[in-house]
Amino acid sequence: YAETRVLEKRESKSRPTQGIVKLEHIARNQHG
């Protein structure tokens, strides 16, 4: 089972129509 947290995000300096997001993904088994 998976979950995600957004650690940070910022607008792209070189691409005005895009942004950079840093994600922390965690997977746990059926026992947690």
PDB file of all heavy atoms in Angstrom:
ATOM      1  N   TYR A   1       0.865  -1.174   0.000  1.00  0.00           N
ATOM      2  CA  TYR A   1       0.000   0.000   0.000  1.00  0.00           C
ATOM      3  C   TYR A   1       0.899   1.221   0.000  1.00  0.00           C
ATOM      4  O   TYR A   1       1.915   1.252   0.687  1.00  0.00           O
ATOM      5  CB  TYR A   1      -0.905  -0.002   1.236  1.00  0.00           C
ATOM      6  CG  TYR A   1      -1.785  -1.228   1.280  1.00  0.00           C
ATOM      7  CD1 TYR A   1      -1.379  -2.379   1.950  1.00  0.00           C
ATOM      8  CD2 TYR A   1      -3.007  -1.246   0.625  1.00  0.00           C
ATOM      9  CE1 TYR A   1      -2.173  -3.516   1.975  1.00  0.00           C
ATOM     10  CE2 TYR A   1      -3.817  -2.373   0.644  1.00  0.00           C
ATOM     11  CZ  TYR A   1      -3.390  -3.505   1.324  1.00  0.00           C
ATOM     12  OH  TYR A   1      -4.171  -4.621   1.332  1.00  0.00           O
ATOM     13  N   ALA A   2       0.518   2.241  -0.768  1.00  0.00           N
ATOM     14  CA  ALA A   2       1.402   3.384  -0.967  1.00  0.00           C
ATOM     15  C   ALA A   2       0.773   4.678  -0.485  1.00  0.00           C
ATOM     16  O   ALA A   2      -0.448   4.847  -0.497  1.00  0.00           O
ATOM     17  CB  ALA A   2       1.751   3.512  -2.450  1.00  0.00           C
ATOM     18  N   GLU A   3       1.664   5.572  -0.076  1.00  0.00           N
ATOM     19  CA  GLU A   3       1.259   6.929   0.274  1.00  0.00           C
ATOM     20  C   GLU A   3       2.379   7.880  -0.122  1.00  0.00           C
ATOM     21  O   GLU A   3       3.530   7.470  -0.266  1.00  0.00           O
ATOM     22  CB  GLU A   3       0.934   7.065   1.754  1.00  0.00           C
ATOM     23  CG  GLU A   3       2.111   6.805   2.662  1.00  0.00           C
ATOM     24  CD  GLU A   3       1.736   6.809   4.142  1.00  0.00           C
ATOM     25  OE1 GLU A   3       0.664   6.281   4.490  1.00  0.00           O
ATOM     26  OE2 GLU A   3       2.532   7.346   4.937  1.00  0.00           O
ATOM     27  N   THR A   4       2.018   9.141  -0.308  1.00  0.00           N
ATOM     28  CA  THR A   4       2.979  10.144  -0.740  1.00  0.00           C
ATOM     29  C   THR A   4       2.789  11.416   0.057  1.00  0.00           C
ATOM     30  O   THR A   4       1.653  11.816   0.342  1.00  0.00           O
ATOM     31  CB  THR A   4       2.801  10.461  -2.242  1.00  0.00           C
ATOM     32  OG1 THR A   4       2.990   9.261  -2.996  1.00  0.00           O
ATOM     33  CG2 THR A   4       3.789  11.509  -2.720  1.00  0.00           C
ATOM     34  N   ARG A   5       3.899  12.038   0.391  1.00  0.00           N
ATOM     35  CA  ARG A   5       3.902  13.370   0.993  1.00  0.00           C
ATOM     36  C   ARG A   5       4.658  14.310   0.058  1.00  0.00           C
ATOM     37  O   ARG A   5       5.656  13.915  -0.531  1.00  0.00           O
ATOM     38  CB  ARG A   5       4.600  13.355   2.343  1.00  0.00           C
ATOM     39  CG  ARG A   5       3.803  12.699   3.429  1.00  0.00           C
ATOM     40  CD  ARG A   5       4.592  12.565   4.736  1.00  0.00           C
ATOM     41  NE  ARG A   5       3.790  11.903   5.747  1.00  0.00           N
ATOM     42  CZ  ARG A   5       3.532  10.593   5.784  1.00  0.00           C
ATOM     43  NH1 ARG A   5       4.025   9.816   4.851  1.00  0.00           N
ATOM     44  NH2 ARG A   5       2.792  10.072   6.727  1.00  0.00           N
ATOM     45  N   VAL A   6       4.211  15.549  -0.037  1.00  0.00           N
ATOM     46  CA  VAL A   6       4.923  16.568  -0.801  1.00  0.00           C
ATOM     47  C   VAL A   6       5.890  17.239   0.159  1.00  0.00           C
ATOM     48  O   VAL A   6       5.472  17.857   1.142  1.00  0.00           O
ATOM     49  CB  VAL A   6       3.952  17.599  -1.407  1.00  0.00           C
ATOM     50  CG1 VAL A   6       4.718  18.696  -2.131  1.00  0.00           C
ATOM     51  CG2 VAL A   6       2.972  16.910  -2.348  1.00  0.00           C
ATOM     52  N   LEU A   7       7.181  17.086  -0.108  1.00  0.00           N
ATOM     53  CA  LEU A   7       8.187  17.679   0.768  1.00  0.00           C
ATOM     54  C   LEU A   7       8.405  19.162   0.447  1.00  0.00           C
ATOM     55  O   LEU A   7       8.621  19.969   1.340  1.00  0.00           O
ATOM     56  CB  LEU A   7       9.505  16.916   0.657  1.00  0.00           C
ATOM     57  CG  LEU A   7       9.437  15.440   1.045  1.00  0.00           C
ATOM     58  CD1 LEU A   7      10.807  14.792   0.868  1.00  0.00           C
ATOM     59  CD2 LEU A   7       8.939  15.283   2.481  1.00  0.00           C
ATOM     60  N   GLU A   8       8.382  19.477  -0.824  1.00  0.00           N
ATOM     61  CA  GLU A   8       8.532  20.875  -1.244  1.00  0.00           C
ATOM     62  C   GLU A   8       8.105  21.012  -2.687  1.00  0.00           C
ATOM     63  O   GLU A   8       8.030  20.028  -3.417  1.00  0.00           O
ATOM     64  CB  GLU A   8       9.968  21.364  -1.053  1.00  0.00           C
ATOM     65  CG  GLU A   8      11.004  20.579  -1.835  1.00  0.00           C
ATOM     66  CD  GLU A   8      12.435  20.972  -1.490  1.00  0.00           C
ATOM     67  OE1 GLU A   8      12.849  20.779  -0.332  1.00  0.00           O
ATOM     68  OE2 GLU A   8      13.119  21.472  -2.407  1.00  0.00           O
ATOM     69  N   LYS A   9       7.855  22.245  -3.089  1.00  0.00           N
ATOM     70  CA  LYS A   9       7.546  22.523  -4.487  1.00  0.00           C
ATOM     71  C   LYS A   9       8.000  23.941  -4.797  1.00  0.00           C
ATOM     72  O   LYS A   9       8.044  24.796  -3.917  1.00  0.00           O
ATOM     73  CB  LYS A   9       6.063  22.314  -4.788  1.00  0.00           C
ATOM     74  CG  LYS A   9       5.120  23.267  -4.104  1.00  0.00           C
ATOM     75  CD  LYS A   9       3.685  22.908  -4.429  1.00  0.00           C
ATOM     76  CE  LYS A   9       2.870  24.154  -4.663  1.00  0.00           C
ATOM     77  NZ  LYS A   9       1.501  23.913  -5.034  1.00  0.00           N
ATOM     78  N   ARG A  10       8.370  24.134  -6.063  1.00  0.00           N
ATOM     79  CA  ARG A  10       8.793  25.473  -6.491  1.00  0.00           C
ATOM     80  C   ARG A  10       8.515  25.620  -7.976  1.00  0.00           C
ATOM     81  O   ARG A  10       8.510  24.642  -8.729  1.00  0.00           O
ATOM     82  CB  ARG A  10      10.259  25.726  -6.186  1.00  0.00           C
ATOM     83  CG  ARG A  10      11.235  24.878  -6.995  1.00  0.00           C
ATOM     84  CD  ARG A  10      12.686  25.315  -6.764  1.00  0.00           C
ATOM     85  NE  ARG A  10      13.625  24.493  -7.480  1.00  0.00           N
ATOM     86  CZ  ARG A  10      13.939  24.632  -8.770  1.00  0.00           C
ATOM     87  NH1 ARG A  10      13.368  25.571  -9.498  1.00  0.00           N
ATOM     88  NH2 ARG A  10      14.828  23.841  -9.347  1.00  0.00           N
ATOM     89  N   GLU A  11       8.287  26.850  -8.375  1.00  0.00           N
ATOM     90  CA  GLU A  11       8.098  27.132  -9.791  1.00  0.00           C
ATOM     91  C   GLU A  11       9.423  26.933 -10.512  1.00  0.00           C
ATOM     92  O   GLU A  11      10.494  27.189  -9.948  1.00  0.00           O
ATOM     93  CB  GLU A  11       7.612  28.566  -9.976  1.00  0.00           C
ATOM     94  CG  GLU A  11       6.232  28.801  -9.398  1.00  0.00           C
ATOM     95  CD  GLU A  11       5.761  30.233  -9.562  1.00  0.00           C
ATOM     96  OE1 GLU A  11       6.428  31.019 -10.254  1.00  0.00           O
ATOM     97  OE2 GLU A  11       4.709  30.560  -8.989  1.00  0.00           O
ATOM     98  N   SER A  12       9.373  26.470 -11.739  1.00  0.00           N
ATOM     99  CA  SER A  12      10.575  26.316 -12.542  1.00  0.00           C
ATOM    100  C   SER A  12      11.078  27.691 -12.964  1.00  0.00           C
ATOM    101  O   SER A  12      10.297  28.533 -13.397  1.00  0.00           O
ATOM    102  CB  SER A  12      10.282  25.464 -13.778  1.00  0.00           C
ATOM    103  OG  SER A  12      11.392  25.465 -14.645  1.00  0.00           O
ATOM    104  N   LYS A  13      12.373  27.902 -12.829  1.00  0.00           N
ATOM    105  CA  LYS A  13      12.967  29.182 -13.239  1.00  0.00           C
ATOM    106  C   LYS A  13      13.079  29.287 -14.760  1.00  0.00           C
ATOM    107  O   LYS A  13      12.996  30.362 -15.321  1.00  0.00           O
ATOM    108  CB  LYS A  13      14.342  29.341 -12.590  1.00  0.00           C
ATOM    109  CG  LYS A  13      14.276  29.453 -11.082  1.00  0.00           C
ATOM    110  CD  LYS A  13      15.660  29.536 -10.462  1.00  0.00           C
ATOM    111  CE  LYS A  13      15.543  29.653  -8.970  1.00  0.00           C
ATOM    112  NZ  LYS A  13      15.994  28.488  -8.260  1.00  0.00           N
ATOM    113  N   SER A  14      13.279  28.162 -15.423  1.00  0.00           N
ATOM    114  CA  SER A  14      13.502  28.184 -16.872  1.00  0.00           C
ATOM    115  C   SER A  14      12.264  27.793 -17.689  1.00  0.00           C
ATOM    116  O   SER A  14      12.253  27.969 -18.896  1.00  0.00           O
ATOM    117  CB  SER A  14      14.658  27.249 -17.231  1.00  0.00           C
ATOM    118  OG  SER A  14      14.354  25.919 -16.846  1.00  0.00           O
ATOM    119  N   ARG A  15      11.252  27.258 -17.029  1.00  0.00           N
ATOM    120  CA  ARG A  15      10.054  26.806 -17.733  1.00  0.00           C
ATOM    121  C   ARG A  15       8.818  27.394 -17.040  1.00  0.00           C
ATOM    122  O   ARG A  15       8.300  26.797 -16.093  1.00  0.00           O
ATOM    123  CB  ARG A  15       9.981  25.280 -17.727  1.00  0.00           C
ATOM    124  CG  ARG A  15      11.131  24.629 -18.470  1.00  0.00           C
ATOM    125  CD  ARG A  15      11.097  23.124 -18.250  1.00  0.00           C
ATOM    126  NE  ARG A  15      12.110  22.477 -19.045  1.00  0.00           N
ATOM    127  CZ  ARG A  15      11.858  21.510 -19.908  1.00  0.00           C
ATOM    128  NH1 ARG A  15      10.635  21.073 -20.090  1.00  0.00           N
ATOM    129  NH2 ARG A  15      12.841  20.962 -20.582  1.00  0.00           N
ATOM    130  N   PRO A  16       8.334  28.519 -17.490  1.00  0.00           N
ATOM    131  CA  PRO A  16       7.248  29.214 -16.790  1.00  0.00           C
ATOM    132  C   PRO A  16       5.927  28.442 -16.718  1.00  0.00           C
ATOM    133  O   PRO A  16       5.092  28.756 -15.880  1.00  0.00           O
ATOM    134  CB  PRO A  16       7.080  30.517 -17.576  1.00  0.00           C
ATOM    135  CG  PRO A  16       7.774  30.314 -18.869  1.00  0.00           C
ATOM    136  CD  PRO A  16       8.806  29.256 -18.665  1.00  0.00           C
ATOM    137  N   THR A  17       5.737  27.446 -17.564  1.00  0.00           N
ATOM    138  CA  THR A  17       4.488  26.673 -17.534  1.00  0.00           C
ATOM    139  C   THR A  17       4.618  25.396 -16.699  1.00  0.00           C
ATOM    140  O   THR A  17       3.729  24.555 -16.725  1.00  0.00           O
ATOM    141  CB  THR A  17       4.055  26.301 -18.965  1.00  0.00           C
ATOM    142  OG1 THR A  17       5.076  25.479 -19.556  1.00  0.00           O
ATOM    143  CG2 THR A  17       3.813  27.533 -19.810  1.00  0.00           C
ATOM    144  N   GLN A  18       5.727  25.290 -15.939  1.00  0.00           N
ATOM    145  CA  GLN A  18       5.973  24.066 -15.179  1.00  0.00           C
ATOM    146  C   GLN A  18       6.538  24.373 -13.791  1.00  0.00           C
ATOM    147  O   GLN A  18       6.981  25.489 -13.520  1.00  0.00           O
ATOM    148  CB  GLN A  18       6.941  23.169 -15.960  1.00  0.00           C
ATOM    149  CG  GLN A  18       6.374  22.771 -17.307  1.00  0.00           C
ATOM    150  CD  GLN A  18       7.399  22.194 -18.250  1.00  0.00           C
ATOM    151  OE1 GLN A  18       8.562  22.043 -17.928  1.00  0.00           O
ATOM    152  NE2 GLN A  18       6.960  21.877 -19.463  1.00  0.00           N
ATOM    153  N   GLY A  19       6.495  23.372 -12.928  1.00  0.00           N
ATOM    154  CA  GLY A  19       7.043  23.501 -11.591  1.00  0.00           C
ATOM    155  C   GLY A  19       7.669  22.193 -11.150  1.00  0.00           C
ATOM    156  O   GLY A  19       7.387  21.128 -11.708  1.00  0.00           O
ATOM    157  N   ILE A  20       8.523  22.260 -10.131  1.00  0.00           N
ATOM    158  CA  ILE A  20       9.217  21.081  -9.613  1.00  0.00           C
ATOM    159  C   ILE A  20       8.638  20.729  -8.249  1.00  0.00           C
ATOM    160  O   ILE A  20       8.488  21.591  -7.380  1.00  0.00           O
ATOM    161  CB  ILE A  20      10.729  21.350  -9.514  1.00  0.00           C
ATOM    162  CG1 ILE A  20      11.289  21.607 -10.921  1.00  0.00           C
ATOM    163  CG2 ILE A  20      11.445  20.173  -8.839  1.00  0.00           C
ATOM    164  CD1 ILE A  20      12.705  22.120 -10.946  1.00  0.00           C
ATOM    165  N   VAL A  21       8.305  19.446  -8.087  1.00  0.00           N
ATOM    166  CA  VAL A  21       7.731  18.957  -6.839  1.00  0.00           C
ATOM    167  C   VAL A  21       8.618  17.827  -6.323  1.00  0.00           C
ATOM    168  O   VAL A  21       8.985  16.924  -7.080  1.00  0.00           O
ATOM    169  CB  VAL A  21       6.284  18.440  -7.045  1.00  0.00           C
ATOM    170  CG1 VAL A  21       5.680  17.980  -5.728  1.00  0.00           C
ATOM    171  CG2 VAL A  21       5.411  19.513  -7.695  1.00  0.00           C
ATOM    172  N   LYS A  22       8.971  17.890  -5.045  1.00  0.00           N
ATOM    173  CA  LYS A  22       9.744  16.813  -4.409  1.00  0.00           C
ATOM    174  C   LYS A  22       8.774  15.980  -3.577  1.00  0.00           C
ATOM    175  O   LYS A  22       8.086  16.492  -2.688  1.00  0.00           O
ATOM    176  CB  LYS A  22      10.859  17.372  -3.533  1.00  0.00           C
ATOM    177  CG  LYS A  22      11.740  16.270  -2.948  1.00  0.00           C
ATOM    178  CD  LYS A  22      12.866  16.825  -2.113  1.00  0.00           C
ATOM    179  CE  LYS A  22      14.061  17.051  -3.001  1.00  0.00           C
ATOM    180  NZ  LYS A  22      15.284  17.314  -2.195  1.00  0.00           N
ATOM    181  N   LEU A  23       8.700  14.694  -3.911  1.00  0.00           N
ATOM    182  CA  LEU A  23       7.749  13.765  -3.298  1.00  0.00           C
ATOM    183  C   LEU A  23       8.465  12.719  -2.451  1.00  0.00           C
ATOM    184  O   LEU A  23       9.521  12.223  -2.837  1.00  0.00           O
ATOM    185  CB  LEU A  23       6.972  13.034  -4.393  1.00  0.00           C
ATOM    186  CG  LEU A  23       6.246  13.899  -5.420  1.00  0.00           C
ATOM    187  CD1 LEU A  23       5.762  13.035  -6.580  1.00  0.00           C
ATOM    188  CD2 LEU A  23       5.099  14.643  -4.768  1.00  0.00           C
ATOM    189  N   GLU A  24       7.872  12.374  -1.329  1.00  0.00           N
ATOM    190  CA  GLU A  24       8.341  11.234  -0.531  1.00  0.00           C
ATOM    191  C   GLU A  24       7.288  10.141  -0.643  1.00  0.00           C
ATOM    192  O   GLU A  24       6.157  10.310  -0.189  1.00  0.00           O
ATOM    193  CB  GLU A  24       8.521  11.624   0.932  1.00  0.00           C
ATOM    194  CG  GLU A  24       8.947  10.438   1.794  1.00  0.00           C
ATOM    195  CD  GLU A  24       8.955  10.778   3.268  1.00  0.00           C
ATOM    196  OE1 GLU A  24       7.869  11.140   3.795  1.00  0.00           O
ATOM    197  OE2 GLU A  24      10.015  10.693   3.882  1.00  0.00           O
ATOM    198  N   HIS A  25       7.664   9.042  -1.303  1.00  0.00           N
ATOM    199  CA  HIS A  25       6.773   7.893  -1.461  1.00  0.00           C
ATOM    200  C   HIS A  25       7.134   6.850  -0.420  1.00  0.00           C
ATOM    201  O   HIS A  25       8.323   6.570  -0.201  1.00  0.00           O
ATOM    202  CB  HIS A  25       6.951   7.246  -2.839  1.00  0.00           C
ATOM    203  CG  HIS A  25       6.651   8.125  -4.006  1.00  0.00           C
ATOM    204  ND1 HIS A  25       5.392   8.606  -4.281  1.00  0.00           N
ATOM    205  CD2 HIS A  25       7.446   8.594  -5.000  1.00  0.00           C
ATOM    206  CE1 HIS A  25       5.431   9.324  -5.392  1.00  0.00           C
ATOM    207  NE2 HIS A  25       6.667   9.333  -5.841  1.00  0.00           N
ATOM    208  N   ILE A  26       6.119   6.238   0.179  1.00  0.00           N
ATOM    209  CA  ILE A  26       6.340   5.162   1.155  1.00  0.00           C
ATOM    210  C   ILE A  26       5.380   4.026   0.828  1.00  0.00           C
ATOM    211  O   ILE A  26       4.192   4.259   0.574  1.00  0.00           O
ATOM    212  CB  ILE A  26       6.093   5.641   2.597  1.00  0.00           C
ATOM    213  CG1 ILE A  26       7.112   6.731   2.965  1.00  0.00           C
ATOM    214  CG2 ILE A  26       6.157   4.478   3.587  1.00  0.00           C
ATOM    215  CD1 ILE A  26       6.849   7.396   4.302  1.00  0.00           C
ATOM    216  N   ALA A  27       5.913   2.793   0.839  1.00  0.00           N
ATOM    217  CA  ALA A  27       5.061   1.609   0.682  1.00  0.00           C
ATOM    218  C   ALA A  27       5.176   0.761   1.942  1.00  0.00           C
ATOM    219  O   ALA A  27       6.272   0.564   2.476  1.00  0.00           O
ATOM    220  CB  ALA A  27       5.468   0.790  -0.534  1.00  0.00           C
ATOM    221  N   ARG A  28       4.029   0.259   2.363  1.00  0.00           N
ATOM    222  CA  ARG A  28       3.967  -0.652   3.510  1.00  0.00           C
ATOM    223  C   ARG A  28       3.330  -1.956   3.052  1.00  0.00           C
ATOM    224  O   ARG A  28       2.463  -1.943   2.172  1.00  0.00           O
ATOM    225  CB  ARG A  28       3.120  -0.050   4.631  1.00  0.00           C
ATOM    226  CG  ARG A  28       3.759   1.136   5.312  1.00  0.00           C
ATOM    227  CD  ARG A  28       2.862   1.650   6.466  1.00  0.00           C
ATOM    228  NE  ARG A  28       3.561   2.637   7.246  1.00  0.00           N
ATOM    229  CZ  ARG A  28       3.710   3.903   6.909  1.00  0.00           C
ATOM    230  NH1 ARG A  28       3.199   4.350   5.784  1.00  0.00           N
ATOM    231  NH2 ARG A  28       4.371   4.738   7.679  1.00  0.00           N
ATOM    232  N   ASN A  29       3.725  -3.048   3.691  1.00  0.00           N
ATOM    233  CA  ASN A  29       3.077  -4.323   3.385  1.00  0.00           C
ATOM    234  C   ASN A  29       1.780  -4.444   4.182  1.00  0.00           C
ATOM    235  O   ASN A  29       1.397  -3.526   4.912  1.00  0.00           O
ATOM    236  CB  ASN A  29       4.042  -5.500   3.614  1.00  0.00           C
ATOM    237  CG  ASN A  29       4.431  -5.664   5.082  1.00  0.00           C
ATOM    238  OD1 ASN A  29       3.804  -5.122   6.000  1.00  0.00           O
ATOM    239  ND2 ASN A  29       5.488  -6.416   5.319  1.00  0.00           N
ATOM    240  N   GLN A  30       1.134  -5.576   4.043  1.00  0.00           N
ATOM    241  CA  GLN A  30      -0.160  -5.801   4.688  1.00  0.00           C
ATOM    242  C   GLN A  30      -0.064  -5.801   6.211  1.00  0.00           C
ATOM    243  O   GLN A  30      -1.079  -5.670   6.903  1.00  0.00           O
ATOM    244  CB  GLN A  30      -0.801  -7.102   4.182  1.00  0.00           C
ATOM    245  CG  GLN A  30      -0.071  -8.371   4.583  1.00  0.00           C
ATOM    246  CD  GLN A  30       1.058  -8.755   3.641  1.00  0.00           C
ATOM    247  OE1 GLN A  30       1.512  -7.954   2.831  1.00  0.00           O
ATOM    248  NE2 GLN A  30       1.521  -9.986   3.759  1.00  0.00           N
ATOM    249  N   HIS A  31       1.149  -5.890   6.766  1.00  0.00           N
ATOM    250  CA  HIS A  31       1.348  -5.857   8.214  1.00  0.00           C
ATOM    251  C   HIS A  31       1.693  -4.448   8.702  1.00  0.00           C
ATOM    252  O   HIS A  31       1.888  -4.244   9.900  1.00  0.00           O
ATOM    253  CB  HIS A  31       2.464  -6.819   8.617  1.00  0.00           C
ATOM    254  CG  HIS A  31       2.259  -8.208   8.111  1.00  0.00           C
ATOM    255  ND1 HIS A  31       1.214  -9.017   8.516  1.00  0.00           N
ATOM    256  CD2 HIS A  31       2.958  -8.941   7.206  1.00  0.00           C
ATOM    257  CE1 HIS A  31       1.272 -10.175   7.890  1.00  0.00           C
ATOM    258  NE2 HIS A  31       2.323 -10.160   7.080  1.00  0.00           N
ATOM    259  N   GLY A  32       1.828  -3.502   7.774  1.00  0.00           N
ATOM    260  CA  GLY A  32       2.169  -2.133   8.139  1.00  0.00           C
ATOM    261  C   GLY A  32       3.657  -1.838   8.156  1.00  0.00           C
ATOM    262  O   GLY A  32       4.069  -0.726   8.485  1.00  0.00           O
TER     263      GLY A  32
END
